[in-house]
Structures are given as C-alpha cells and as structure tokens.
Amino acid sequence: MPQLRDDGPVPGRDWDRAVELISSADEIALACHVSPDGDALGSMLALGLALRAVGKRVTASFGEHRTTVPRLLRFLPGQDLLVGLDDYPAAPELMITFDVPTVGRLAMLSDSAGRARELIVVDHHPSNTRFGTLNLVDPGAAATAVLAEELLHRLGLPIDKVIATCLYVGLVTDTGSFKYSSTTPAAHAMAARLVATGLNTEEIARDLWDRSPFAYLRVLGTALDRVTLEPEVGGGLVWTFVTRADRAAYGLPYDEVEGIIDVVRRTDEADVTAVLKEDDDGAWQVSTRSKGGVDVARICTALGGGGHTKAAGFTSHLPVEETIASLRALL
C-alpha cells in the first residue's frame, strides 16, 4: 500500500474529512471531465467500483449529451456505473470529481456540482481552482489515479485486479507509459502494487497504444498534409487541425484523433505543439504540448482551459485562424 502521509500537499485532516463524508453517505455521485481520458475515467471508475462493492449507491458520468466512452478505453471495467445526464442527481448529497481542474470542465454537470451538499475535488492539475467544499489536490502527483489509490486505502477498501486495471490505466496514460517528467519513484512503486494484483499489462498497452482503425491513418495523413511550423513563435510552434468533414470522409469518430498530437509533437524545431480537433458539436477542442520551454497550462488557463505545464488544453468556438492567433499572441 502507498505510504500514507499527513504532511504532504493534502493535509491529513482533509483526507480524514473525505473518509468521513464518503463513509456516512448513502448515495454518491461521481464525475470526471468532458472528453474523458484514461486518468479521469479510470480514477472515477476505480472508486465507483470499490464503493459499490461495499453497498453504496453510486452513479457516475461526464458532462456531455452522449456518455460515449472513447474506443480506446472501452475495455475498462465498471462502465455500467455510467448514467446519462437525465439520470444524474440534480443536487447530490455528496459529489466527487476526478481530474477536473475547473468547474467549467464539468460542462453540463456544473449545476449539479453547484447544488451538491458536499463536493470533493480529487485532482493533480497545478491549475486546479479548488472549487470544492473539500479539495484533495496534489500537483506533484503523477496522475489523479495516485490520489484515487490513496483515498481507497484510507477508506480501507481493497484493490482487486478489476479496480487495479482502472487505476493502472490512469497512471500509465498520464505518465505516457512512464516517459513523461511526471514519472516519479512513487509512480513506479504504485505500478508495482497494481501489477501484483495480476494485471495483463501487455493487453492493456495494446488496447491503449497499439490499435487504431485504418481510417485513423487516412485522417492522420490529412492532418500532416496541413501541418504548419512557426519557428519564431514561443520557441517554435507546430500546429495542425482536424475538421468534422475530415473525419466524416472516413467515418472516424471524434475520440479516435487524440493520438495525432503525439506524432506532431516530435518536431525538433518546435517547443510547443497544438492540435485543433473539431468535435461533433462544431467546437474546437485544442490540445497543446510543451517540451519544457513554455508553460502551456498558463496559456490554456488564460483561454478558458487548463492542465499541466507541459500538457494542457482549452475549447474554442472561434474559427481555426482566430483560435491559433489567440494562442500565438500568448506564446
């Protein structure tokens, strides 16, 4: 089990309060950010599965009209906990959010958060605004899954292979399979604990990184054809975009284009990478990455989003050129 500390970024009294609130609640509503990644969804489902196993009534969701899990994460257990917006409590007795730095990232669940009697925020983003009545926020944690694991241990709830799968996915996705600078000795120690439950790490890695439909290659080619390098901007900026029409031409769902940024960011001449992805509602979801010369979290926060120093994002309702212009100006 992790080393439980009372002198870290999250005070021991806050952990104790979280345990008290969760233990005394009969019904608990869980939420993660829109367009959930492995850390957000994995952390939420891990706690949801553990709480349901001890008799708690649990609902989970993310603030979109369609609670459609990205294809790459559809192997995660616990998805029967997910409910649509109409079935999510309007004024929860206790609501817990995962990997959500600002209330705006809850989108259509923001009102439920505002009406919750108690709101526990579990997160590791440096840009977190502490919008909960109780905030379990540690910017030094490699993933929100690290905090979710600690919360499970403090609750005295066992972590079996199923729950460990959710936590492991959260950990490896936010550390880039232990490639990013967020990787710490504690992250490796956590991975060892989770793998010891019997995880098939080869299958998990294949599902996360080594599978894609042929249509993805077509859309990737389109995005690479229009990629732009601006070496004079912010230590170098490389960017591209993917439209709804690009995806529709090959029948590719929105959630399949997330990995494009990992190809574009390899550019040696650019410190900052941006990929604009038009979602099914016509908004531009902008992902950014930095190699360390620029704090993209500060820039994305200024544009209504948030994230980490080297990985952040925001939503834009402006055309591509205007969106890039706003990003360029801040760089």
Protein backbone atom coordinates (compact mmCIF):
# COMPACT_ATOMS: atom_id res chain seq x y z
CA MET A 1 0.00 0.00 0.00
CA PRO A 2 1.16 3.60 -0.52
CA GLN A 3 2.89 5.46 2.25
CA LEU A 4 0.13 7.46 3.93
CA ARG A 5 1.43 10.90 4.83
CA ASP A 6 -0.20 13.69 6.78
CA ASP A 7 2.46 16.28 5.91
CA GLY A 8 2.06 16.30 2.13
CA PRO A 9 0.21 18.71 -0.19
CA VAL A 10 -3.11 17.30 1.06
CA PRO A 11 -3.32 17.72 4.86
CA GLY A 12 -4.20 14.64 6.88
CA ARG A 13 -7.30 16.35 8.24
CA ASP A 14 -8.64 16.71 4.69
CA TRP A 15 -8.13 13.01 4.00
CA ASP A 16 -9.91 12.26 7.27
CA ARG A 17 -12.80 14.53 6.32
CA ALA A 18 -13.10 12.84 2.93
CA VAL A 19 -13.25 9.43 4.59
CA GLU A 20 -15.91 10.70 6.98
CA LEU A 21 -18.06 12.18 4.20
CA ILE A 22 -17.84 9.09 1.99
CA SER A 23 -18.41 6.65 4.84
CA SER A 24 -21.54 8.45 6.02
CA ALA A 25 -23.10 8.99 2.57
CA ASP A 26 -25.70 6.54 1.26
CA GLU A 27 -25.62 7.85 -2.30
CA ILE A 28 -22.54 9.21 -4.04
CA ALA A 29 -22.37 10.92 -7.44
CA LEU A 30 -19.06 10.74 -9.30
CA ALA A 31 -17.98 12.91 -12.21
CA CYS A 32 -14.96 13.47 -14.43
CA HIS A 33 -14.18 15.99 -17.14
CA VAL A 34 -15.69 16.04 -20.61
CA SER A 35 -13.93 14.00 -23.31
CA PRO A 36 -12.50 11.81 -20.55
CA ASP A 37 -9.01 10.41 -20.83
CA GLY A 38 -7.65 7.33 -19.11
CA ASP A 39 -6.79 9.10 -15.87
CA ALA A 40 -10.16 10.82 -15.48
CA LEU A 41 -12.28 7.79 -16.35
CA GLY A 42 -10.02 5.23 -14.72
CA SER A 43 -9.85 7.08 -11.40
CA MET A 44 -13.60 7.63 -11.31
CA LEU A 45 -14.50 4.04 -12.16
CA ALA A 46 -11.98 2.64 -9.69
CA LEU A 47 -13.57 4.45 -6.77
CA GLY A 48 -17.07 3.74 -8.07
CA LEU A 49 -16.44 0.00 -8.25
CA ALA A 50 -14.95 -0.07 -4.77
CA LEU A 51 -17.82 1.90 -3.26
CA ARG A 52 -20.47 -0.20 -4.95
CA ALA A 53 -18.82 -3.34 -3.63
CA VAL A 54 -19.47 -2.16 -0.05
CA GLY A 55 -23.11 -1.31 -0.71
CA LYS A 56 -23.01 2.38 -1.65
CA ARG A 57 -25.42 3.66 -4.31
CA VAL A 58 -23.12 5.10 -6.95
CA THR A 59 -23.73 6.98 -10.18
CA ALA A 60 -21.02 8.27 -12.49
CA SER A 61 -20.98 10.48 -15.56
CA PHE A 62 -19.26 13.23 -17.51
CA GLY A 63 -20.97 16.36 -18.70
CA GLU A 64 -21.84 15.54 -22.28
CA HIS A 65 -25.11 14.73 -24.04
CA ARG A 66 -23.64 11.39 -25.04
CA THR A 67 -21.85 9.39 -22.36
CA THR A 68 -19.89 7.58 -25.05
CA VAL A 69 -16.58 6.27 -23.79
CA PRO A 70 -13.64 6.69 -26.21
CA ARG A 71 -12.99 3.44 -28.08
CA LEU A 72 -9.51 3.07 -26.64
CA LEU A 73 -10.98 2.96 -23.13
CA ARG A 74 -13.93 0.67 -23.75
CA PHE A 75 -12.10 -2.25 -22.19
CA LEU A 76 -12.22 -0.54 -18.79
CA PRO A 77 -14.42 -2.31 -16.24
CA GLY A 78 -17.18 -0.53 -14.34
CA GLN A 79 -18.81 1.27 -17.26
CA ASP A 80 -22.23 0.05 -16.12
CA LEU A 81 -21.88 2.74 -13.43
CA LEU A 82 -22.18 5.44 -16.11
CA VAL A 83 -25.52 7.21 -16.44
CA GLY A 84 -26.85 9.86 -18.80
CA LEU A 85 -27.39 13.44 -17.73
CA ASP A 86 -31.10 12.89 -17.11
CA ASP A 87 -30.33 10.19 -14.54
CA TYR A 88 -27.61 12.12 -12.72
CA PRO A 89 -28.63 13.68 -9.39
CA ALA A 90 -29.51 17.37 -9.74
CA ALA A 91 -28.47 18.13 -6.16
CA PRO A 92 -26.21 15.31 -4.90
CA GLU A 93 -25.78 14.61 -1.21
CA LEU A 94 -22.10 14.01 -1.98
CA MET A 95 -20.39 14.59 -5.32
CA ILE A 96 -16.78 13.67 -6.10
CA THR A 97 -14.96 14.92 -9.19
CA PHE A 98 -11.84 13.39 -10.75
CA ASP A 99 -9.16 15.08 -12.85
CA VAL A 100 -11.26 18.26 -13.11
CA PRO A 101 -9.21 21.48 -12.65
CA THR A 102 -12.10 23.94 -13.04
CA VAL A 103 -15.85 23.64 -12.63
CA GLY A 104 -16.25 24.56 -16.29
CA ARG A 105 -14.63 21.27 -17.30
CA LEU A 106 -17.69 19.55 -15.84
CA ALA A 107 -19.76 21.18 -18.58
CA MET A 108 -23.38 20.02 -18.15
CA LEU A 109 -22.69 18.66 -14.68
CA SER A 110 -21.58 22.08 -13.40
CA ASP A 111 -25.05 22.82 -11.99
CA SER A 112 -25.07 19.56 -10.04
CA ALA A 113 -21.68 20.49 -8.60
CA GLY A 114 -23.02 23.88 -7.55
CA ARG A 115 -26.01 22.30 -5.79
CA ALA A 116 -24.13 19.46 -4.10
CA ARG A 117 -24.27 19.47 -0.31
CA GLU A 118 -20.61 18.40 -0.27
CA LEU A 119 -18.23 18.45 -3.23
CA ILE A 120 -14.90 16.61 -3.05
CA VAL A 121 -12.40 17.53 -5.76
CA VAL A 122 -9.74 14.88 -6.47
CA ASP A 123 -7.11 16.17 -8.88
CA HIS A 124 -3.43 16.72 -9.66
CA HIS A 125 -3.56 19.70 -12.04
CA PRO A 126 -1.46 22.70 -10.91
CA SER A 127 -4.19 24.91 -12.43
CA ASN A 128 -6.90 23.49 -10.14
CA THR A 129 -9.08 26.30 -8.76
CA ARG A 130 -10.11 24.44 -5.57
CA PHE A 131 -13.80 24.74 -6.38
CA GLY A 132 -14.92 22.02 -3.98
CA THR A 133 -16.04 22.15 -0.38
CA LEU A 134 -13.09 19.79 0.14
CA ASN A 135 -10.11 19.66 -2.19
CA LEU A 136 -7.77 16.67 -2.41
CA VAL A 137 -5.35 18.27 -4.86
CA ASP A 138 -1.68 17.34 -5.23
CA PRO A 139 0.08 18.94 -8.24
CA GLY A 140 3.08 16.73 -7.54
CA ALA A 141 1.16 13.52 -8.09
CA ALA A 142 1.88 11.74 -11.37
CA ALA A 143 -1.84 11.21 -12.01
CA THR A 144 -5.21 11.68 -10.36
CA ALA A 145 -5.15 7.87 -10.07
CA VAL A 146 -2.42 8.29 -7.43
CA LEU A 147 -4.85 10.25 -5.26
CA ALA A 148 -7.67 7.82 -6.01
CA GLU A 149 -5.49 4.92 -4.82
CA GLU A 150 -4.63 6.75 -1.61
CA LEU A 151 -8.28 7.52 -0.99
CA LEU A 152 -9.17 3.85 -1.42
CA HIS A 153 -6.53 2.83 1.09
CA ARG A 154 -7.64 5.44 3.60
CA LEU A 155 -11.20 4.16 3.22
CA GLY A 156 -9.92 0.66 3.91
CA LEU A 157 -11.29 -0.63 0.60
CA PRO A 158 -9.46 -3.48 -1.16
CA ILE A 159 -7.98 -3.08 -4.61
CA ASP A 160 -8.53 -6.19 -6.69
CA LYS A 161 -7.48 -6.87 -10.28
CA VAL A 162 -10.56 -5.14 -11.70
CA ILE A 163 -10.09 -1.92 -9.71
CA ALA A 164 -6.33 -2.06 -10.28
CA THR A 165 -6.96 -2.12 -14.05
CA CYS A 166 -8.73 1.24 -13.82
CA LEU A 167 -6.02 2.78 -11.65
CA TYR A 168 -3.21 1.42 -13.82
CA VAL A 169 -4.76 2.90 -16.95
CA GLY A 170 -4.95 6.27 -15.21
CA LEU A 171 -1.32 6.05 -14.15
CA VAL A 172 0.19 4.93 -17.46
CA THR A 173 -1.81 7.33 -19.63
CA ASP A 174 -0.85 10.41 -17.61
CA THR A 175 2.82 9.41 -17.40
CA GLY A 176 2.95 8.48 -21.09
CA SER A 177 3.78 4.91 -20.10
CA PHE A 178 6.38 6.33 -17.69
CA LYS A 179 8.05 8.54 -20.34
CA TYR A 180 6.98 11.97 -19.03
CA SER A 181 8.73 14.06 -16.41
CA SER A 182 5.78 13.46 -14.08
CA THR A 183 7.09 9.92 -13.56
CA THR A 184 8.47 9.53 -10.04
CA PRO A 185 9.77 6.62 -7.93
CA ALA A 186 6.36 6.66 -6.24
CA ALA A 187 4.68 6.19 -9.62
CA HIS A 188 6.76 3.10 -10.34
CA ALA A 189 6.05 1.78 -6.84
CA MET A 190 2.32 2.24 -7.42
CA ALA A 191 2.57 0.42 -10.73
CA ALA A 192 4.27 -2.49 -8.98
CA ARG A 193 1.44 -2.71 -6.43
CA LEU A 194 -1.18 -2.72 -9.17
CA VAL A 195 0.61 -5.22 -11.39
CA ALA A 196 0.91 -7.55 -8.39
CA THR A 197 -2.90 -7.98 -8.47
CA GLY A 198 -2.50 -9.96 -11.69
CA LEU A 199 -2.90 -7.35 -14.43
CA ASN A 200 -2.13 -8.28 -18.01
CA THR A 201 -0.06 -5.20 -18.82
CA GLU A 202 0.60 -6.38 -22.39
CA GLU A 203 -3.11 -6.40 -23.21
CA ILE A 204 -3.63 -3.00 -21.58
CA ALA A 205 -0.73 -1.48 -23.54
CA ARG A 206 -2.04 -2.92 -26.80
CA ASP A 207 -5.52 -1.53 -26.19
CA LEU A 208 -4.19 1.91 -25.30
CA TRP A 209 -1.43 2.50 -27.85
CA ASP A 210 -1.14 -0.20 -30.46
CA ARG A 211 -4.60 -0.27 -32.04
CA SER A 212 -6.39 2.05 -34.46
CA PRO A 213 -8.79 1.70 -37.39
CA PHE A 214 -7.43 2.18 -40.89
CA ALA A 215 -9.49 5.37 -41.16
CA TYR A 216 -7.23 6.91 -38.49
CA LEU A 217 -4.26 6.65 -40.84
CA ARG A 218 -6.22 8.47 -43.53
CA VAL A 219 -7.18 11.32 -41.22
CA LEU A 220 -3.66 11.46 -39.78
CA GLY A 221 -2.36 11.89 -43.31
CA THR A 222 -4.77 14.77 -43.88
CA ALA A 223 -3.65 16.46 -40.64
CA LEU A 224 0.03 16.05 -41.53
CA ASP A 225 -0.55 17.48 -45.01
CA ARG A 226 -1.66 20.78 -43.47
CA VAL A 227 0.77 20.92 -40.53
CA THR A 228 2.38 24.35 -40.03
CA LEU A 229 5.71 25.22 -38.41
CA GLU A 230 6.27 28.72 -36.98
CA PRO A 231 9.81 28.61 -35.59
CA GLU A 232 9.76 32.25 -34.49
CA VAL A 233 6.78 31.80 -32.13
CA GLY A 234 7.32 30.79 -28.49
CA GLY A 235 10.48 28.79 -29.03
CA GLY A 236 8.83 27.23 -32.06
CA LEU A 237 5.19 26.36 -32.64
CA VAL A 238 3.96 23.47 -34.76
CA TRP A 239 0.23 23.05 -35.27
CA THR A 240 -2.47 21.43 -37.36
CA PHE A 241 -6.19 20.79 -37.26
CA VAL A 242 -8.79 18.12 -37.97
CA THR A 243 -12.31 19.07 -39.06
CA ARG A 244 -15.58 17.20 -38.72
CA ALA A 245 -15.56 16.84 -42.51
CA ASP A 246 -12.11 15.21 -42.38
CA ARG A 247 -13.43 12.58 -40.00
CA ALA A 248 -16.76 12.15 -41.77
CA ALA A 249 -14.99 11.37 -45.05
CA TYR A 250 -13.67 8.18 -43.49
CA GLY A 251 -16.30 7.57 -40.81
CA LEU A 252 -13.84 8.22 -37.97
CA PRO A 253 -15.30 9.10 -34.54
CA TYR A 254 -14.00 12.17 -32.73
CA ASP A 255 -12.32 10.24 -29.92
CA GLU A 256 -10.02 8.48 -32.42
CA VAL A 257 -7.99 11.60 -33.27
CA GLU A 258 -6.47 12.22 -29.83
CA GLY A 259 -3.21 10.50 -30.73
CA ILE A 260 -2.39 12.84 -33.61
CA ILE A 261 -0.64 15.23 -31.26
CA ASP A 262 1.83 12.53 -30.25
CA VAL A 263 3.01 12.36 -33.86
CA VAL A 264 3.16 16.11 -34.46
CA ARG A 265 4.97 16.88 -31.18
CA ARG A 266 8.07 15.02 -32.35
CA THR A 267 9.09 18.07 -34.40
CA ASP A 268 12.62 19.06 -33.33
CA GLU A 269 12.18 22.70 -34.35
CA ALA A 270 9.19 23.38 -32.07
CA ASP A 271 8.88 23.56 -28.32
CA VAL A 272 5.08 23.89 -28.44
CA THR A 273 2.62 21.72 -30.33
CA ALA A 274 -1.08 22.43 -30.84
CA VAL A 275 -3.71 20.25 -32.49
CA LEU A 276 -7.22 21.61 -33.04
CA LYS A 277 -9.94 18.96 -33.28
CA GLU A 278 -13.47 19.90 -34.29
CA ASP A 279 -15.92 17.90 -32.21
CA ASP A 280 -19.36 16.70 -33.26
CA ASP A 281 -20.98 19.91 -31.97
CA GLY A 282 -18.69 22.17 -34.02
CA ALA A 283 -16.45 23.38 -31.17
CA TRP A 284 -12.68 23.19 -31.44
CA GLN A 285 -11.02 21.13 -28.74
CA VAL A 286 -7.41 22.34 -28.60
CA SER A 287 -4.66 20.12 -27.20
CA THR A 288 -1.23 21.58 -26.51
CA ARG A 289 2.12 20.11 -25.50
CA SER A 290 5.41 21.71 -24.47
CA LYS A 291 8.91 20.29 -24.25
CA GLY A 292 9.58 22.50 -21.25
CA GLY A 293 10.36 25.95 -22.56
CA VAL A 294 6.76 27.20 -22.27
CA ASP A 295 4.16 26.69 -19.54
CA VAL A 296 1.17 25.75 -21.70
CA ALA A 297 -1.06 25.41 -18.62
CA ARG A 298 -0.85 29.17 -18.04
CA ILE A 299 -1.68 29.88 -21.65
CA CYS A 300 -4.59 27.44 -21.81
CA THR A 301 -5.95 28.70 -18.47
CA ALA A 302 -5.97 32.23 -19.92
CA LEU A 303 -8.02 30.85 -22.81
CA GLY A 304 -10.57 29.19 -20.53
CA GLY A 305 -8.96 25.79 -20.19
CA GLY A 306 -6.21 24.36 -18.03
CA GLY A 307 -3.88 21.47 -17.49
CA HIS A 308 -0.22 20.85 -16.75
CA THR A 309 2.95 22.76 -17.51
CA LYS A 310 3.75 20.51 -20.47
CA ALA A 311 0.26 19.28 -21.43
CA ALA A 312 -2.90 21.38 -21.41
CA GLY A 313 -5.95 22.25 -23.45
CA PHE A 314 -8.91 24.54 -23.99
CA THR A 315 -12.12 24.81 -26.01
CA SER A 316 -12.61 27.43 -28.71
CA HIS A 317 -15.73 28.48 -30.61
CA LEU A 318 -13.74 30.70 -32.99
CA PRO A 319 -12.54 29.71 -36.46
CA VAL A 320 -9.19 27.95 -36.75
CA GLU A 321 -7.14 31.01 -37.72
CA GLU A 322 -8.61 33.12 -34.90
CA THR A 323 -8.04 30.34 -32.40
CA ILE A 324 -4.41 29.95 -33.44
CA ALA A 325 -4.00 33.73 -33.40
CA SER A 326 -5.13 33.87 -29.75
CA LEU A 327 -2.70 31.08 -28.87
CA ARG A 328 0.10 32.68 -30.86
CA ALA A 329 -0.40 36.04 -29.13
CA LEU A 330 0.05 34.49 -25.70
CA LEU A 331 3.10 32.49 -26.78
